[in-house]
């Protein structure tokens, strides 16, 4: 599991992917809240891409983002390795616990996910004599489930970049489906929801982490369209009046942060 003194991340992923947990995760999808009932999982993956939608494929994609991210940060080699390790194992627990939508995840959900992740870690990697499980547990405790720590904050930004990438793809795809279709409306909803959740934090950290600044610049046209062209009836998709009002306020605040950033560039 180690290569030139460092953990071989591909081998870590391969061992998980070939396990019963990897098999389960390969059949699960992300962002199913926005999927129409008549669209099966395979076509949902085709629409937005396997690396965004398939839970197992998404792990390697997150690792790819993390790899680019740490190259442009002032972390030492041990810190970089821990962030990459967090990326390659962060969703293992979802083989047992479902991928809960960002809006609904509670502290109890986080605790359950952490416990499951540690159980899988011990089962798959505890047998290795190179203290791999020990390092994975450090990544779990100090990075994945501690977004306020130095390395946890960095990994949290990696995940936010990934979320935002899917939002941009959904917005683009909404332009190529039927003008009045329910699918178009749901893709716009996905883009609205994720942008409201992620843009303020990404902007807040964009000067600290060069990849965020670069990525936001590359998406400038798409993000501006999301904030300027999202239909008002998108917010009718939320279940209660209170939730609609909350989400509209979040959207407006994210839009203000985005406009302020554009003026400052």
Protein backbone atom coordinates (compact mmCIF):
# COMPACT_ATOMS: atom_id res chain seq x y z
CA UNK A 1 0.00 0.00 0.00
CA UNK A 2 3.02 2.30 0.01
CA UNK A 3 5.01 3.61 -2.90
CA UNK A 4 8.36 5.37 -2.32
CA UNK A 5 7.44 5.74 1.34
CA UNK A 6 4.06 7.21 0.48
CA UNK A 7 0.60 5.64 0.46
CA UNK A 8 -0.47 4.35 -2.95
CA UNK A 9 -3.91 5.96 -3.19
CA UNK A 10 -4.93 3.96 -6.24
CA UNK A 11 -4.35 0.72 -4.34
CA UNK A 12 -6.38 2.05 -1.41
CA UNK A 13 -9.24 2.79 -3.78
CA UNK A 14 -8.88 -0.49 -5.64
CA UNK A 15 -9.16 -2.53 -2.44
CA UNK A 16 -12.38 -0.71 -1.54
CA UNK A 17 -13.80 -0.87 -5.08
CA UNK A 18 -13.31 -4.65 -5.21
CA UNK A 19 -14.95 -5.20 -1.82
CA UNK A 20 -18.64 -5.75 -1.11
CA UNK A 21 -18.83 -2.11 -0.05
CA UNK A 22 -17.42 -0.90 -3.34
CA UNK A 23 -19.92 -3.05 -5.21
CA UNK A 24 -22.78 -1.52 -3.24
CA UNK A 25 -21.49 2.03 -3.75
CA UNK A 26 -21.12 1.47 -7.50
CA UNK A 27 -24.89 1.02 -7.70
CA UNK A 28 -25.72 4.23 -5.84
CA UNK A 29 -26.23 7.69 -7.30
CA UNK A 30 -25.87 11.26 -6.13
CA UNK A 31 -28.34 14.15 -6.46
CA UNK A 32 -31.28 11.76 -6.74
CA UNK A 33 -33.49 14.44 -5.16
CA UNK A 34 -33.55 16.11 -8.57
CA UNK A 35 -33.95 12.99 -10.71
CA UNK A 36 -37.35 12.43 -12.29
CA UNK A 37 -38.94 9.05 -11.44
CA UNK A 38 -39.03 8.03 -15.10
CA UNK A 39 -35.26 8.51 -15.47
CA UNK A 40 -33.30 5.45 -14.39
CA UNK A 41 -29.92 5.63 -12.68
CA UNK A 42 -27.97 4.83 -15.84
CA UNK A 43 -29.57 7.68 -17.79
CA UNK A 44 -29.10 10.05 -14.86
CA UNK A 45 -25.40 9.21 -14.98
CA UNK A 46 -25.34 9.80 -18.75
CA UNK A 47 -27.04 13.16 -18.33
CA UNK A 48 -24.61 14.65 -15.81
CA UNK A 49 -21.62 12.30 -16.04
CA UNK A 50 -20.61 9.25 -14.00
CA UNK A 51 -17.96 11.08 -12.02
CA UNK A 52 -20.60 13.54 -10.79
CA UNK A 53 -23.45 11.07 -10.27
CA UNK A 54 -22.11 7.57 -9.60
CA UNK A 55 -21.03 7.35 -5.96
CA UNK A 56 -18.01 5.12 -6.59
CA UNK A 57 -16.73 7.05 -9.60
CA UNK A 58 -17.16 10.28 -7.67
CA UNK A 59 -14.49 9.20 -5.18
CA UNK A 60 -11.75 9.16 -7.82
CA UNK A 61 -13.01 12.44 -9.22
CA UNK A 62 -12.79 14.08 -5.79
CA UNK A 63 -9.27 12.67 -5.47
CA UNK A 64 -8.42 14.33 -8.79
CA UNK A 65 -9.69 17.71 -7.57
CA UNK A 66 -7.76 17.29 -4.32
CA UNK A 67 -4.57 16.48 -6.23
CA UNK A 68 -4.79 19.71 -8.20
CA UNK A 69 -5.82 21.63 -5.10
CA UNK A 70 -2.85 20.67 -2.91
CA UNK A 71 -0.33 21.42 -5.65
CA UNK A 72 -1.21 25.08 -5.31
CA UNK A 73 -1.21 25.22 -1.52
CA UNK A 74 1.56 25.68 1.01
CA UNK A 75 1.21 22.27 2.66
CA UNK A 76 4.08 19.96 3.48
CA UNK A 77 4.18 16.47 1.94
CA UNK A 78 2.64 14.76 4.98
CA UNK A 79 -0.26 17.21 5.00
CA UNK A 80 -0.82 16.76 1.28
CA UNK A 81 -0.88 12.99 1.71
CA UNK A 82 -3.52 13.21 4.45
CA UNK A 83 -5.76 15.44 2.31
CA UNK A 84 -5.44 13.03 -0.62
CA UNK A 85 -6.15 10.11 1.70
CA UNK A 86 -9.28 11.89 2.95
CA UNK A 87 -10.41 12.35 -0.65
CA UNK A 88 -9.94 8.68 -1.59
CA UNK A 89 -11.90 7.32 1.39
CA UNK A 90 -14.35 10.08 2.35
CA UNK A 91 -17.49 8.46 0.88
CA UNK A 92 -16.84 4.84 1.87
CA UNK A 93 -19.46 5.04 4.61
CA UNK A 94 -22.17 5.76 2.05
CA UNK A 95 -22.02 2.11 1.02
CA UNK A 96 -24.02 1.52 4.20
CA UNK A 97 -25.45 4.96 4.97
CA UNK A 98 -27.22 6.66 2.06
CA UNK A 99 -25.82 9.87 0.57
CA UNK A 100 -27.95 12.42 2.44
CA UNK A 101 -28.75 15.69 0.68
CA UNK A 102 -26.67 18.66 1.86
CA UNK A 103 -29.83 20.45 3.10
CA UNK A 104 -30.93 17.61 5.37
CA UNK A 105 -27.73 16.22 6.92
CA UNK A 106 -27.79 16.39 10.74
CA UNK A 107 -25.14 15.98 13.43
CA UNK A 108 -26.51 12.51 14.10
CA UNK A 109 -26.13 11.63 10.41
CA UNK A 110 -22.52 12.81 10.57
CA UNK A 111 -21.86 10.67 13.64
CA UNK A 112 -23.38 7.57 12.04
CA UNK A 113 -21.40 8.14 8.85
CA UNK A 114 -18.17 8.53 10.84
CA UNK A 115 -18.81 5.32 12.82
CA UNK A 116 -19.51 3.36 9.63
CA UNK A 117 -16.44 4.78 7.93
CA UNK A 118 -14.25 3.64 10.83
CA UNK A 119 -15.82 0.19 10.78
CA UNK A 120 -15.11 -0.23 7.06
CA UNK A 121 -11.58 1.11 7.54
CA UNK A 122 -10.78 -1.46 10.19
CA UNK A 123 -12.31 -4.28 8.16
CA UNK A 124 -10.52 -3.47 4.89
CA UNK A 125 -7.26 -1.85 5.95
CA UNK A 126 -6.66 -2.92 9.56
CA UNK A 127 -4.86 -6.04 8.34
CA UNK A 128 -2.06 -4.04 6.71
CA UNK A 129 1.14 -3.77 8.68
CA UNK A 130 2.06 -0.30 7.44
CA UNK A 131 -0.29 1.54 9.82
CA UNK A 132 -2.55 2.48 6.94
CA UNK A 133 -5.69 2.25 9.09
CA UNK A 134 -4.07 4.55 11.64
CA UNK A 135 -3.48 7.21 8.99
CA UNK A 136 -6.98 6.79 7.60
CA UNK A 137 -8.42 7.34 11.07
CA UNK A 138 -6.39 10.55 11.38
CA UNK A 139 -7.87 11.68 8.05
CA UNK A 140 -11.36 10.80 9.32
CA UNK A 141 -11.05 12.54 12.69
CA UNK A 142 -8.94 15.55 11.76
CA UNK A 143 -10.01 16.28 8.19
CA UNK A 144 -13.25 14.76 6.94
CA UNK A 145 -15.21 15.39 10.14
CA UNK A 146 -13.37 18.51 11.29
CA UNK A 147 -13.91 21.20 8.64
CA UNK A 148 -12.63 23.88 11.03
CA UNK A 149 -9.11 22.41 11.22
CA UNK A 150 -6.36 23.55 8.86
CA UNK A 151 -6.51 20.46 6.65
CA UNK A 152 -10.22 19.93 7.22
CA UNK A 153 -10.98 23.37 5.84
CA UNK A 154 -8.91 22.66 2.74
CA UNK A 155 -10.68 19.35 2.11
CA UNK A 156 -14.05 21.02 2.68
CA UNK A 157 -13.17 23.43 -0.13
CA UNK A 158 -12.28 20.48 -2.39
CA UNK A 159 -15.75 19.04 -1.80
CA UNK A 160 -17.40 22.40 -2.41
CA UNK A 161 -15.60 22.73 -5.75
CA UNK A 162 -16.95 19.31 -6.68
CA UNK A 163 -20.51 20.28 -5.74
CA UNK A 164 -20.27 23.47 -7.74
CA UNK A 165 -18.93 21.64 -10.78
CA UNK A 166 -22.09 19.50 -10.81
CA UNK A 167 -24.25 22.61 -10.46
CA UNK A 168 -22.61 24.20 -13.49
CA UNK A 169 -23.04 21.00 -15.50
CA UNK A 170 -26.71 20.80 -14.50
CA UNK A 171 -27.27 24.40 -15.58
CA UNK A 172 -25.63 23.77 -18.94
CA UNK A 173 -27.66 20.59 -19.47
CA UNK A 174 -30.88 22.43 -18.61
CA UNK A 175 -30.38 24.45 -21.80
CA UNK A 176 -30.39 21.37 -24.02
CA UNK A 177 -33.57 19.69 -22.77
CA UNK A 178 -37.17 20.63 -23.59
CA UNK A 179 -38.00 24.29 -22.94
CA UNK A 180 -40.92 23.56 -20.62
CA UNK A 181 -39.89 20.12 -19.43
CA UNK A 182 -39.90 18.96 -15.81
CA UNK A 183 -36.31 17.81 -16.31
CA UNK A 184 -35.21 21.31 -17.28
CA UNK A 185 -36.91 22.66 -14.17
CA UNK A 186 -35.23 20.11 -11.89
CA UNK A 187 -31.80 20.75 -13.36
CA UNK A 188 -32.28 24.47 -12.73
CA UNK A 189 -33.34 23.61 -9.19
CA UNK A 190 -30.16 21.58 -8.66
CA UNK A 191 -28.05 24.51 -9.91
CA UNK A 192 -29.93 26.98 -7.69
CA UNK A 193 -29.69 24.85 -4.56
CA UNK A 194 -26.01 24.01 -4.85
CA UNK A 195 -25.00 27.56 -5.82
CA UNK A 196 -26.82 29.01 -2.82
CA UNK A 197 -25.08 26.52 -0.52
CA UNK A 198 -21.56 26.73 -1.95
CA UNK A 199 -20.82 30.10 -3.56
CA UNK A 200 -20.54 32.27 -0.40
CA UNK A 201 -18.02 29.92 1.25
CA UNK A 202 -16.04 29.48 -1.95
CA UNK A 203 -15.81 33.24 -2.42
CA UNK A 204 -14.82 33.70 1.24
CA UNK A 205 -11.87 31.32 0.74
CA UNK A 206 -10.96 32.18 -2.85
CA UNK A 207 -7.97 34.34 -1.99
CA UNK A 208 -6.59 31.79 0.43
CA UNK A 209 -6.76 28.89 -2.01
CA UNK A 210 -5.67 29.65 -5.61
CA UNK A 211 -7.65 26.81 -7.20
CA UNK A 212 -10.94 28.25 -5.94
CA UNK A 213 -10.19 31.64 -7.50
CA UNK A 214 -9.22 30.03 -10.79
CA UNK A 215 -12.27 27.77 -10.82
CA UNK A 216 -14.72 30.57 -10.05
CA UNK A 217 -13.20 32.66 -12.83
CA UNK A 218 -13.59 29.78 -15.28
CA UNK A 219 -17.27 29.41 -14.33
CA UNK A 220 -18.05 33.14 -14.24
CA UNK A 221 -20.49 33.17 -17.16
CA UNK A 222 -22.33 30.05 -15.96
CA UNK A 223 -22.64 31.19 -12.34
CA UNK A 224 -23.86 34.63 -13.42
CA UNK A 225 -26.52 32.94 -15.55
CA UNK A 226 -27.62 30.80 -12.60
CA UNK A 227 -28.12 33.89 -10.44
CA UNK A 228 -29.73 36.00 -13.15
CA UNK A 229 -31.87 33.46 -15.00
CA UNK A 230 -33.15 31.01 -12.38
CA UNK A 231 -36.96 31.18 -12.64
CA UNK A 232 -38.84 32.39 -9.55
CA UNK A 233 -41.03 29.29 -9.57
CA UNK A 234 -37.92 27.17 -8.85
CA UNK A 235 -38.46 27.94 -5.17
CA UNK A 236 -41.94 26.40 -5.33
CA UNK A 237 -40.19 23.02 -5.35
CA UNK A 238 -39.44 23.35 -1.64
CA UNK A 239 -42.04 21.71 0.58
CA UNK A 240 -43.05 24.45 3.00
CA UNK A 241 -43.53 28.21 2.91
CA UNK A 242 -40.79 28.60 5.49
CA UNK A 243 -38.33 26.56 3.45
CA UNK A 244 -39.17 28.49 0.27
CA UNK A 245 -38.55 31.80 2.02
CA UNK A 246 -35.30 30.51 3.56
CA UNK A 247 -33.98 29.21 0.23
CA UNK A 248 -34.93 32.43 -1.60
CA UNK A 249 -33.05 34.45 1.01
CA UNK A 250 -30.00 32.18 0.73
CA UNK A 251 -30.10 32.52 -3.05
CA UNK A 252 -30.31 36.33 -2.88
CA UNK A 253 -27.44 36.50 -0.39
CA UNK A 254 -25.29 34.22 -2.55
CA UNK A 255 -26.11 36.36 -5.58
CA UNK A 256 -25.08 39.51 -3.71
CA UNK A 257 -21.77 37.87 -2.73
CA UNK A 258 -21.21 36.88 -6.35
CA UNK A 259 -21.95 40.36 -7.70
CA UNK A 260 -19.64 41.90 -5.10
CA UNK A 261 -16.86 39.55 -6.16
CA UNK A 262 -17.30 40.41 -9.83
CA UNK A 263 -17.07 44.13 -9.10
CA UNK A 264 -13.90 43.63 -7.08
CA UNK A 265 -12.08 41.76 -9.88
